[in-house]
Amino acid sequence: MNKETHIIHVPVGGLANRMKAIGAAVALSNDVQATTTIIWYKDKGLNCPFDELFEPIENKLVTLRENSIFDLFLYDRPRKKNFCIPRFFQKFLFDQAMYEQDVCTRSHEGFDFLSWCLGKKSYIAGYVYFYPKENNKFSIFHPKAELMERIRETVKLFGKQTIGVHIRRTDNIESIQKSPTHLFIERMKAEVEKNPDTKFYLATDSDEEKNTMKEIFKERIITSPKQADRNSPQGIKDALVEMYVLSMTSKIFGSVKSSFSQTAAEIGGITCEFIKQ
C-alpha cells in the first residue's frame, strides 16, 4: 500500500447522488490502495446519518464517519454558507483539492483520477460516480436490517409482473417539466393492455401523485402508506426503502434527470425507461 496516498472524500447531494459518489471513492481507494476517509454531512439535501440507513462499509482502506464540529471548518465544501472558510484550511491540509463541479466536469471528460491522487493527500467533494471502473458500484451498500425487512414485506405484494414507477415532483424542475404525469399514465395503461395482470410499484415524493394513480389504477398500485416527506430522517429512510423496492421490479418508468430512478435500476440490474415528452 502506498502510505503517502490519502483521500478525504465528501459526498454531496441527495441519497442517490451520495451513493454514486461513495461508490466511486471506494473503487478509487481500492485501485490506488489509498486510505480513504469519507465524511458524511447531514444537511438540507440529506438530513439523516449514514448509520441509520446502511450497515458499515466493509473495506479495510475506507473509514466513513459523521462530521464533527471541527469538520465544518476544515473539511466542508467551501461555499457562501460557510464564507468559504474551509478553503483556507484545505490549502494547507492537502496537496490538492477538487470540488463537485470540477469533479463532475472532469469525470465526463475521462479524467485520470488514479494518477492524479497517487502519492498525494487529496480532497474530493462530489455527487457523481467520478471513477467508473467498478461495474457493480452499489454492491457495497447494505440497508439496515429493519429497512430490509420493510423492503421484503413490500416485495411480497408484487404480482407476476410488477413495474416500478418513480415520479419526482417536489425538488426537481426538469423532472416536473419533462416527465409530466399524463405521460406516465399513458405508458402505464399501455402496459396493462399488453398484460392485464400488470401491477405497479409507485415511488414518489408527492401525495397528490399517489392519490391520482390510485384513483386511475386502483388495486394495481402498490405504494407506501407513509406521507411523502424527504426533509426528515424518517423520510430519508422511507426513500431508501422505495429505492430498493424499485430495484426489485421488472423495469422502471423513471423521471427525467432523476438519479434516484437510475440508481434504483442499476442496483437491480434492470432497465430504466425515462418518461419524457
C-alpha atoms as a PDB file:
ATOM      1  CA  MET A   1       0.000   0.000   0.000  1.00  0.00           C
ATOM      2  CA  ASN A   2       1.252   3.459  -0.848  1.00  0.00           C
ATOM      3  CA  LYS A   3       1.139   5.047   2.596  1.00  0.00           C
ATOM      4  CA  GLU A   4       1.679   8.521   1.161  1.00  0.00           C
ATOM      5  CA  THR A   5      -1.648   8.406  -0.637  1.00  0.00           C
ATOM      6  CA  HIS A   6      -4.678   9.505   1.350  1.00  0.00           C
ATOM      7  CA  ILE A   7      -8.079  10.742   0.237  1.00  0.00           C
ATOM      8  CA  ILE A   8     -10.659  12.772   2.110  1.00  0.00           C
ATOM      9  CA  HIS A   9     -13.972  12.444   0.332  1.00  0.00           C
ATOM     10  CA  VAL A  10     -17.163  14.424   0.946  1.00  0.00           C
ATOM     11  CA  PRO A  11     -20.260  13.008  -0.788  1.00  0.00           C
ATOM     12  CA  VAL A  12     -22.730  15.705  -1.824  1.00  0.00           C
ATOM     13  CA  GLY A  13     -26.455  15.934  -2.581  1.00  0.00           C
ATOM     14  CA  GLY A  14     -29.338  13.557  -2.017  1.00  0.00           C
ATOM     15  CA  LEU A  15     -29.374   9.843  -1.365  1.00  0.00           C
ATOM     16  CA  ALA A  16     -28.694   8.551  -4.889  1.00  0.00           C
ATOM     17  CA  ASN A  17     -26.002  11.126  -5.610  1.00  0.00           C
ATOM     18  CA  ARG A  18     -24.164  10.327  -2.405  1.00  0.00           C
ATOM     19  CA  MET A  19     -24.315   6.612  -3.092  1.00  0.00           C
ATOM     20  CA  LYS A  20     -22.764   7.176  -6.521  1.00  0.00           C
ATOM     21  CA  ALA A  21     -20.023   9.393  -5.132  1.00  0.00           C
ATOM     22  CA  ILE A  22     -19.180   6.988  -2.299  1.00  0.00           C
ATOM     23  CA  GLY A  23     -19.136   4.065  -4.716  1.00  0.00           C
ATOM     24  CA  ALA A  24     -16.599   5.949  -6.841  1.00  0.00           C
ATOM     25  CA  ALA A  25     -14.449   6.878  -3.839  1.00  0.00           C
ATOM     26  CA  VAL A  26     -14.324   3.271  -2.638  1.00  0.00           C
ATOM     27  CA  ALA A  27     -13.447   1.976  -6.126  1.00  0.00           C
ATOM     28  CA  LEU A  28     -10.691   4.581  -6.449  1.00  0.00           C
ATOM     29  CA  SER A  29      -9.383   3.724  -2.993  1.00  0.00           C
ATOM     30  CA  ASN A  30      -9.210   0.043  -3.926  1.00  0.00           C
ATOM     31  CA  ASP A  31      -7.339   0.656  -7.182  1.00  0.00           C
ATOM     32  CA  VAL A  32      -4.806   3.094  -5.774  1.00  0.00           C
ATOM     33  CA  GLN A  33      -4.600   1.239  -2.420  1.00  0.00           C
ATOM     34  CA  ALA A  34      -5.108   4.516  -0.578  1.00  0.00           C
ATOM     35  CA  THR A  35      -6.542   5.027   2.871  1.00  0.00           C
ATOM     36  CA  THR A  36      -9.747   6.987   2.415  1.00  0.00           C
ATOM     37  CA  THR A  37     -11.854   8.891   4.915  1.00  0.00           C
ATOM     38  CA  ILE A  38     -15.419   9.644   3.851  1.00  0.00           C
ATOM     39  CA  ILE A  39     -17.106  12.403   5.849  1.00  0.00           C
ATOM     40  CA  TRP A  40     -20.902  12.363   5.885  1.00  0.00           C
ATOM     41  CA  TYR A  41     -22.562  15.737   6.458  1.00  0.00           C
ATOM     42  CA  LYS A  42     -26.237  15.982   7.337  1.00  0.00           C
ATOM     43  CA  ASP A  43     -27.771  18.924   5.525  1.00  0.00           C
ATOM     44  CA  LYS A  44     -30.825  20.106   3.628  1.00  0.00           C
ATOM     45  CA  GLY A  45     -30.094  17.623   0.856  1.00  0.00           C
ATOM     46  CA  LEU A  46     -29.969  14.623   3.176  1.00  0.00           C
ATOM     47  CA  ASN A  47     -30.912  15.070   6.811  1.00  0.00           C
ATOM     48  CA  CYS A  48     -30.127  11.586   8.106  1.00  0.00           C
ATOM     49  CA  PRO A  49     -26.994   9.851   9.480  1.00  0.00           C
ATOM     50  CA  PHE A  50     -25.407   7.197   7.301  1.00  0.00           C
ATOM     51  CA  ASP A  51     -25.558   4.549  10.027  1.00  0.00           C
ATOM     52  CA  GLU A  52     -29.336   4.862  10.255  1.00  0.00           C
ATOM     53  CA  LEU A  53     -29.588   3.954   6.578  1.00  0.00           C
ATOM     54  CA  PHE A  54     -26.830   1.436   5.890  1.00  0.00           C
ATOM     55  CA  GLU A  55     -24.649  -1.133   7.573  1.00  0.00           C
ATOM     56  CA  PRO A  56     -20.954  -0.135   7.814  1.00  0.00           C
ATOM     57  CA  ILE A  57     -18.999  -0.369   4.564  1.00  0.00           C
ATOM     58  CA  GLU A  58     -16.764  -3.413   4.783  1.00  0.00           C
ATOM     59  CA  ASN A  59     -13.445  -2.193   3.438  1.00  0.00           C
ATOM     60  CA  LYS A  60     -10.190  -2.001   5.402  1.00  0.00           C
ATOM     61  CA  LEU A  61      -8.995   1.002   3.424  1.00  0.00           C
ATOM     62  CA  VAL A  62     -12.136   3.067   3.922  1.00  0.00           C
ATOM     63  CA  THR A  63     -13.484   4.826   7.002  1.00  0.00           C
ATOM     64  CA  LEU A  64     -16.867   6.553   6.861  1.00  0.00           C
ATOM     65  CA  ARG A  65     -17.860   8.863   9.702  1.00  0.00           C
ATOM     66  CA  GLU A  66     -20.300  11.629  10.539  1.00  0.00           C
ATOM     67  CA  ASN A  67     -18.884  15.139  10.577  1.00  0.00           C
ATOM     68  CA  SER A  68     -17.697  16.758  13.786  1.00  0.00           C
ATOM     69  CA  ILE A  69     -17.868  20.460  14.636  1.00  0.00           C
ATOM     70  CA  PHE A  70     -14.241  20.823  13.575  1.00  0.00           C
ATOM     71  CA  ASP A  71     -15.039  19.227  10.226  1.00  0.00           C
ATOM     72  CA  LEU A  72     -17.406  22.096   9.448  1.00  0.00           C
ATOM     73  CA  PHE A  73     -14.376  24.380   9.343  1.00  0.00           C
ATOM     74  CA  LEU A  74     -11.736  22.023   7.976  1.00  0.00           C
ATOM     75  CA  TYR A  75     -13.389  19.649   5.518  1.00  0.00           C
ATOM     76  CA  ASP A  76     -16.751  21.044   4.470  1.00  0.00           C
ATOM     77  CA  ARG A  77     -17.177  22.278   0.924  1.00  0.00           C
ATOM     78  CA  PRO A  78     -16.213  25.968   0.569  1.00  0.00           C
ATOM     79  CA  ARG A  79     -19.366  27.946  -0.263  1.00  0.00           C
ATOM     80  CA  LYS A  80     -21.243  31.130   0.608  1.00  0.00           C
ATOM     81  CA  LYS A  81     -22.946  29.396   3.510  1.00  0.00           C
ATOM     82  CA  ASN A  82     -19.624  28.999   5.346  1.00  0.00           C
ATOM     83  CA  PHE A  83     -17.972  32.072   3.809  1.00  0.00           C
ATOM     84  CA  CYS A  84     -15.566  29.698   2.019  1.00  0.00           C
ATOM     85  CA  ILE A  85     -13.583  29.402   5.249  1.00  0.00           C
ATOM     86  CA  PRO A  86     -12.739  25.689   4.707  1.00  0.00           C
ATOM     87  CA  ARG A  87     -10.863  26.577   1.512  1.00  0.00           C
ATOM     88  CA  PHE A  88      -8.259  28.440   3.586  1.00  0.00           C
ATOM     89  CA  PHE A  89      -7.523  25.405   5.759  1.00  0.00           C
ATOM     90  CA  GLN A  90      -7.671  22.959   2.848  1.00  0.00           C
ATOM     91  CA  LYS A  91      -4.844  24.788   1.094  1.00  0.00           C
ATOM     92  CA  PHE A  92      -2.570  23.756   3.962  1.00  0.00           C
ATOM     93  CA  LEU A  93      -4.079  20.353   4.750  1.00  0.00           C
ATOM     94  CA  PHE A  94      -3.976  18.906   1.215  1.00  0.00           C
ATOM     95  CA  ASP A  95      -1.636  18.701  -1.723  1.00  0.00           C
ATOM     96  CA  GLN A  96      -4.632  19.225  -3.983  1.00  0.00           C
ATOM     97  CA  ALA A  97      -8.397  19.616  -3.863  1.00  0.00           C
ATOM     98  CA  MET A  98     -11.198  19.102  -6.374  1.00  0.00           C
ATOM     99  CA  TYR A  99     -14.732  20.309  -5.714  1.00  0.00           C
ATOM    100  CA  GLU A 100     -18.025  18.976  -7.002  1.00  0.00           C
ATOM    101  CA  GLN A 101     -18.423  20.923 -10.239  1.00  0.00           C
ATOM    102  CA  ASP A 102     -14.891  20.180 -11.404  1.00  0.00           C
ATOM    103  CA  VAL A 103     -15.298  16.542 -10.374  1.00  0.00           C
ATOM    104  CA  CYS A 104     -18.466  16.301 -12.457  1.00  0.00           C
ATOM    105  CA  THR A 105     -16.919  18.001 -15.499  1.00  0.00           C
ATOM    106  CA  ARG A 106     -13.699  16.009 -15.411  1.00  0.00           C
ATOM    107  CA  SER A 107     -15.455  12.696 -14.887  1.00  0.00           C
ATOM    108  CA  HIS A 108     -17.320  13.258 -18.162  1.00  0.00           C
ATOM    109  CA  GLU A 109     -14.027  14.102 -19.863  1.00  0.00           C
ATOM    110  CA  GLY A 110     -12.393  10.840 -18.781  1.00  0.00           C
ATOM    111  CA  PHE A 111     -10.014  12.455 -16.303  1.00  0.00           C
ATOM    112  CA  ASP A 112      -7.409  10.111 -14.768  1.00  0.00           C
ATOM    113  CA  PHE A 113      -8.293  10.373 -11.073  1.00  0.00           C
ATOM    114  CA  LEU A 114      -5.979   7.494 -10.165  1.00  0.00           C
ATOM    115  CA  SER A 115      -2.815   9.191 -11.430  1.00  0.00           C
ATOM    116  CA  TRP A 116      -4.000  12.495 -10.020  1.00  0.00           C
ATOM    117  CA  CYS A 117      -4.246  11.272  -6.441  1.00  0.00           C
ATOM    118  CA  LEU A 118      -1.377   8.746  -6.403  1.00  0.00           C
ATOM    119  CA  GLY A 119       1.234   9.608  -3.787  1.00  0.00           C
ATOM    120  CA  LYS A 120      -0.632  12.675  -2.557  1.00  0.00           C
ATOM    121  CA  LYS A 121      -3.092  13.811   0.083  1.00  0.00           C
ATOM    122  CA  SER A 122      -6.225  14.765  -1.826  1.00  0.00           C
ATOM    123  CA  TYR A 123      -9.614  16.283  -1.094  1.00  0.00           C
ATOM    124  CA  ILE A 124     -12.566  15.328  -3.309  1.00  0.00           C
ATOM    125  CA  ALA A 125     -16.168  16.512  -2.983  1.00  0.00           C
ATOM    126  CA  GLY A 126     -18.627  15.008  -5.442  1.00  0.00           C
ATOM    127  CA  TYR A 127     -22.118  13.892  -6.363  1.00  0.00           C
ATOM    128  CA  VAL A 128     -21.369  11.707  -9.402  1.00  0.00           C
ATOM    129  CA  TYR A 129     -19.742   8.339  -9.991  1.00  0.00           C
ATOM    130  CA  PHE A 130     -16.468  10.013 -10.910  1.00  0.00           C
ATOM    131  CA  TYR A 131     -14.325   6.881 -11.082  1.00  0.00           C
ATOM    132  CA  PRO A 132     -16.163   4.489 -13.442  1.00  0.00           C
ATOM    133  CA  LYS A 133     -14.058   1.361 -13.102  1.00  0.00           C
ATOM    134  CA  GLU A 134     -16.387  -0.652 -10.889  1.00  0.00           C
ATOM    135  CA  ASN A 135     -19.277  -2.409 -12.625  1.00  0.00           C
ATOM    136  CA  ASN A 136     -21.335  -3.153  -9.516  1.00  0.00           C
ATOM    137  CA  LYS A 137     -20.777   0.144  -7.771  1.00  0.00           C
ATOM    138  CA  PHE A 138     -23.691  -0.201  -5.355  1.00  0.00           C
ATOM    139  CA  SER A 139     -22.810  -3.649  -4.006  1.00  0.00           C
ATOM    140  CA  ILE A 140     -21.001  -2.026  -1.070  1.00  0.00           C
ATOM    141  CA  PHE A 141     -24.311  -0.723   0.315  1.00  0.00           C
ATOM    142  CA  HIS A 142     -26.480  -2.854   2.597  1.00  0.00           C
ATOM    143  CA  PRO A 143     -29.612  -1.243   4.077  1.00  0.00           C
ATOM    144  CA  LYS A 144     -30.128  -1.608   7.823  1.00  0.00           C
ATOM    145  CA  ALA A 145     -31.896  -4.805   8.882  1.00  0.00           C
ATOM    146  CA  GLU A 146     -35.129  -3.044   9.842  1.00  0.00           C
ATOM    147  CA  LEU A 147     -35.247  -1.311   6.465  1.00  0.00           C
ATOM    148  CA  MET A 148     -34.511  -4.556   4.618  1.00  0.00           C
ATOM    149  CA  GLU A 149     -37.458  -6.132   6.405  1.00  0.00           C
ATOM    150  CA  ARG A 150     -39.733  -3.370   5.124  1.00  0.00           C
ATOM    151  CA  ILE A 151     -38.332  -3.876   1.615  1.00  0.00           C
ATOM    152  CA  ARG A 152     -39.023  -7.625   1.702  1.00  0.00           C
ATOM    153  CA  GLU A 153     -42.547  -7.156   3.055  1.00  0.00           C
ATOM    154  CA  THR A 154     -43.390  -4.748   0.242  1.00  0.00           C
ATOM    155  CA  VAL A 155     -41.960  -7.033  -2.446  1.00  0.00           C
ATOM    156  CA  LYS A 156     -44.273  -9.800  -1.199  1.00  0.00           C
ATOM    157  CA  LEU A 157     -47.143  -7.726  -2.623  1.00  0.00           C
ATOM    158  CA  PHE A 158     -45.754  -7.951  -6.154  1.00  0.00           C
ATOM    159  CA  GLY A 159     -47.545  -9.887  -8.891  1.00  0.00           C
ATOM    160  CA  LYS A 160     -46.053 -11.877 -11.761  1.00  0.00           C
ATOM    161  CA  GLN A 161     -45.152  -8.581 -13.430  1.00  0.00           C
ATOM    162  CA  THR A 162     -44.684  -5.509 -11.296  1.00  0.00           C
ATOM    163  CA  ILE A 163     -43.267  -2.412 -12.944  1.00  0.00           C
ATOM    164  CA  GLY A 164     -41.608   0.314 -10.916  1.00  0.00           C
ATOM    165  CA  VAL A 165     -42.804   3.882 -11.376  1.00  0.00           C
ATOM    166  CA  HIS A 166     -40.815   6.795  -9.996  1.00  0.00           C
ATOM    167  CA  ILE A 167     -42.452  10.215 -10.228  1.00  0.00           C
ATOM    168  CA  ARG A 168     -40.361  13.033  -8.832  1.00  0.00           C
ATOM    169  CA  ARG A 169     -42.153  16.271  -8.133  1.00  0.00           C
ATOM    170  CA  THR A 170     -41.092  18.451  -5.181  1.00  0.00           C
ATOM    171  CA  ASP A 171     -37.453  19.356  -5.855  1.00  0.00           C
ATOM    172  CA  ASN A 172     -36.557  18.797  -9.499  1.00  0.00           C
ATOM    173  CA  ILE A 173     -37.805  21.307 -12.064  1.00  0.00           C
ATOM    174  CA  GLU A 174     -36.679  19.282 -15.078  1.00  0.00           C
ATOM    175  CA  SER A 175     -38.482  16.170 -13.837  1.00  0.00           C
ATOM    176  CA  ILE A 176     -41.672  18.155 -13.382  1.00  0.00           C
ATOM    177  CA  GLN A 177     -41.482  19.818 -16.798  1.00  0.00           C
ATOM    178  CA  LYS A 178     -40.145  16.959 -18.919  1.00  0.00           C
ATOM    179  CA  SER A 179     -41.853  13.981 -17.243  1.00  0.00           C
ATOM    180  CA  PRO A 180     -45.493  15.084 -16.805  1.00  0.00           C
ATOM    181  CA  THR A 181     -47.922  12.793 -15.036  1.00  0.00           C
ATOM    182  CA  HIS A 182     -50.178  12.241 -18.058  1.00  0.00           C
ATOM    183  CA  LEU A 183     -47.305  10.548 -19.916  1.00  0.00           C
ATOM    184  CA  PHE A 184     -46.772   8.116 -17.029  1.00  0.00           C
ATOM    185  CA  ILE A 185     -50.484   7.319 -17.102  1.00  0.00           C
ATOM    186  CA  GLU A 186     -50.433   6.702 -20.858  1.00  0.00           C
ATOM    187  CA  ARG A 187     -47.378   4.448 -20.590  1.00  0.00           C
ATOM    188  CA  MET A 188     -48.848   2.502 -17.684  1.00  0.00           C
ATOM    189  CA  LYS A 189     -52.174   1.976 -19.473  1.00  0.00           C
ATOM    190  CA  ALA A 190     -50.287   0.627 -22.479  1.00  0.00           C
ATOM    191  CA  GLU A 191     -48.606  -1.959 -20.239  1.00  0.00           C
ATOM    192  CA  VAL A 192     -51.941  -3.023 -18.785  1.00  0.00           C
ATOM    193  CA  GLU A 193     -53.325  -3.516 -22.294  1.00  0.00           C
ATOM    194  CA  LYS A 194     -50.402  -5.820 -23.112  1.00  0.00           C
ATOM    195  CA  ASN A 195     -50.603  -7.688 -19.813  1.00  0.00           C
ATOM    196  CA  PRO A 196     -53.805  -7.374 -17.728  1.00  0.00           C
ATOM    197  CA  ASP A 197     -52.004  -8.872 -14.713  1.00  0.00           C
ATOM    198  CA  THR A 198     -49.566  -5.955 -14.507  1.00  0.00           C
ATOM    199  CA  LYS A 199     -49.104  -4.202 -11.192  1.00  0.00           C
ATOM    200  CA  PHE A 200     -47.136  -1.043 -10.461  1.00  0.00           C
ATOM    201  CA  TYR A 201     -44.949  -0.095  -7.532  1.00  0.00           C
ATOM    202  CA  LEU A 202     -45.181   3.687  -7.240  1.00  0.00           C
ATOM    203  CA  ALA A 203     -42.402   5.657  -5.556  1.00  0.00           C
ATOM    204  CA  THR A 204     -42.966   9.404  -5.356  1.00  0.00           C
ATOM    205  CA  ASP A 205     -42.340  12.437  -3.191  1.00  0.00           C
ATOM    206  CA  SER A 206     -45.881  13.681  -3.846  1.00  0.00           C
ATOM    207  CA  ASP A 207     -49.006  12.515  -2.018  1.00  0.00           C
ATOM    208  CA  GLU A 208     -51.064  14.098  -4.802  1.00  0.00           C
ATOM    209  CA  GLU A 209     -49.478  11.761  -7.343  1.00  0.00           C
ATOM    210  CA  LYS A 210     -50.214   8.773  -5.106  1.00  0.00           C
ATOM    211  CA  ASN A 211     -53.883   9.705  -4.914  1.00  0.00           C
ATOM    212  CA  THR A 212     -54.121  10.296  -8.676  1.00  0.00           C
ATOM    213  CA  MET A 213     -52.602   6.929  -9.528  1.00  0.00           C
ATOM    214  CA  LYS A 214     -54.745   5.068  -7.002  1.00  0.00           C
ATOM    215  CA  GLU A 215     -57.893   6.598  -8.485  1.00  0.00           C
ATOM    216  CA  ILE A 216     -56.930   5.513 -12.006  1.00  0.00           C
ATOM    217  CA  PHE A 217     -55.254   2.141 -11.449  1.00  0.00           C
ATOM    218  CA  LYS A 218     -56.987   1.047  -8.239  1.00  0.00           C
ATOM    219  CA  GLU A 219     -55.620  -2.212  -6.798  1.00  0.00           C
ATOM    220  CA  ARG A 220     -52.829  -2.336  -9.376  1.00  0.00           C
ATOM    221  CA  ILE A 221     -50.960   0.344  -7.431  1.00  0.00           C
ATOM    222  CA  ILE A 222     -48.594  -0.668  -4.632  1.00  0.00           C
ATOM    223  CA  THR A 223     -47.182   2.304  -2.780  1.00  0.00           C
ATOM    224  CA  SER A 224     -46.003   3.356   0.645  1.00  0.00           C
ATOM    225  CA  PRO A 225     -48.809   4.314   3.046  1.00  0.00           C
ATOM    226  CA  LYS A 226     -46.495   6.857   4.648  1.00  0.00           C
ATOM    227  CA  GLN A 227     -46.857  10.534   3.862  1.00  0.00           C
ATOM    228  CA  ALA A 228     -44.248  11.692   1.350  1.00  0.00           C
ATOM    229  CA  ASP A 229     -41.517  13.598   3.206  1.00  0.00           C
ATOM    230  CA  ARG A 230     -37.889  13.959   2.149  1.00  0.00           C
ATOM    231  CA  ASN A 231     -36.787  16.512   4.763  1.00  0.00           C
ATOM    232  CA  SER A 232     -36.769  14.335   7.885  1.00  0.00           C
ATOM    233  CA  PRO A 233     -34.597  11.347   8.858  1.00  0.00           C
ATOM    234  CA  GLN A 234     -37.673   9.117   8.682  1.00  0.00           C
ATOM    235  CA  GLY A 235     -38.494  10.481   5.243  1.00  0.00           C
ATOM    236  CA  ILE A 236     -34.990   9.610   4.009  1.00  0.00           C
ATOM    237  CA  LYS A 237     -35.345   6.083   5.385  1.00  0.00           C
ATOM    238  CA  ASP A 238     -38.651   5.770   3.551  1.00  0.00           C
ATOM    239  CA  ALA A 239     -36.923   6.941   0.355  1.00  0.00           C
ATOM    240  CA  LEU A 240     -34.228   4.296   0.768  1.00  0.00           C
ATOM    241  CA  VAL A 241     -36.888   1.617   1.144  1.00  0.00           C
ATOM    242  CA  GLU A 242     -38.588   2.886  -2.018  1.00  0.00           C
ATOM    243  CA  MET A 243     -35.324   2.876  -3.948  1.00  0.00           C
ATOM    244  CA  TYR A 244     -34.585  -0.750  -3.116  1.00  0.00           C
ATOM    245  CA  VAL A 245     -38.170  -1.869  -3.743  1.00  0.00           C
ATOM    246  CA  LEU A 246     -37.986  -0.187  -7.161  1.00  0.00           C
ATOM    247  CA  SER A 247     -34.762  -2.099  -7.804  1.00  0.00           C
ATOM    248  CA  MET A 248     -36.666  -5.377  -7.403  1.00  0.00           C
ATOM    249  CA  THR A 249     -39.341  -4.621 -10.017  1.00  0.00           C
ATOM    250  CA  SER A 250     -39.172  -5.938 -13.587  1.00  0.00           C
ATOM    251  CA  LYS A 251     -38.298  -2.499 -15.008  1.00  0.00           C
ATOM    252  CA  ILE A 252     -38.693   1.148 -14.060  1.00  0.00           C
ATOM    253  CA  PHE A 253     -40.547   4.073 -15.607  1.00  0.00           C
ATOM    254  CA  GLY A 254     -38.441   6.961 -14.329  1.00  0.00           C
ATOM    255  CA  SER A 255     -38.388  10.733 -14.196  1.00  0.00           C
ATOM    256  CA  VAL A 256     -36.023  12.692 -16.424  1.00  0.00           C
ATOM    257  CA  LYS A 257     -32.873  13.987 -14.683  1.00  0.00           C
ATOM    258  CA  SER A 258     -33.531  11.932 -11.581  1.00  0.00           C
ATOM    259  CA  SER A 259     -30.547   9.994 -10.292  1.00  0.00           C
ATOM    260  CA  PHE A 260     -32.967   8.193  -7.959  1.00  0.00           C
ATOM    261  CA  SER A 261     -34.636   6.397 -10.890  1.00  0.00           C
ATOM    262  CA  GLN A 262     -31.333   5.440 -12.496  1.00  0.00           C
ATOM    263  CA  THR A 263     -29.710   4.337  -9.241  1.00  0.00           C
ATOM    264  CA  ALA A 264     -32.626   2.043  -8.407  1.00  0.00           C
ATOM    265  CA  ALA A 265     -32.320   0.463 -11.859  1.00  0.00           C
ATOM    266  CA  GLU A 266     -28.567  -0.022 -11.513  1.00  0.00           C
ATOM    267  CA  ILE A 267     -28.919  -1.605  -8.075  1.00  0.00           C
ATOM    268  CA  GLY A 268     -31.330  -4.162  -9.509  1.00  0.00           C
ATOM    269  CA  GLY A 269     -29.635  -4.568 -12.875  1.00  0.00           C
ATOM    270  CA  ILE A 270     -32.874  -3.677 -14.651  1.00  0.00           C
ATOM    271  CA  THR A 271     -33.957  -1.237 -17.353  1.00  0.00           C
ATOM    272  CA  CYS A 272     -34.970   2.335 -16.594  1.00  0.00           C
ATOM    273  CA  GLU A 273     -37.178   3.929 -19.245  1.00  0.00           C
ATOM    274  CA  PHE A 274     -37.316   7.661 -18.697  1.00  0.00           C
ATOM    275  CA  ILE A 275     -40.785   9.016 -19.388  1.00  0.00           C
ATOM    276  CA  LYS A 276     -40.410  12.261 -21.308  1.00  0.00           C
ATOM    277  CA  GLN A 277     -42.131  14.499 -23.797  1.00  0.00           C
END
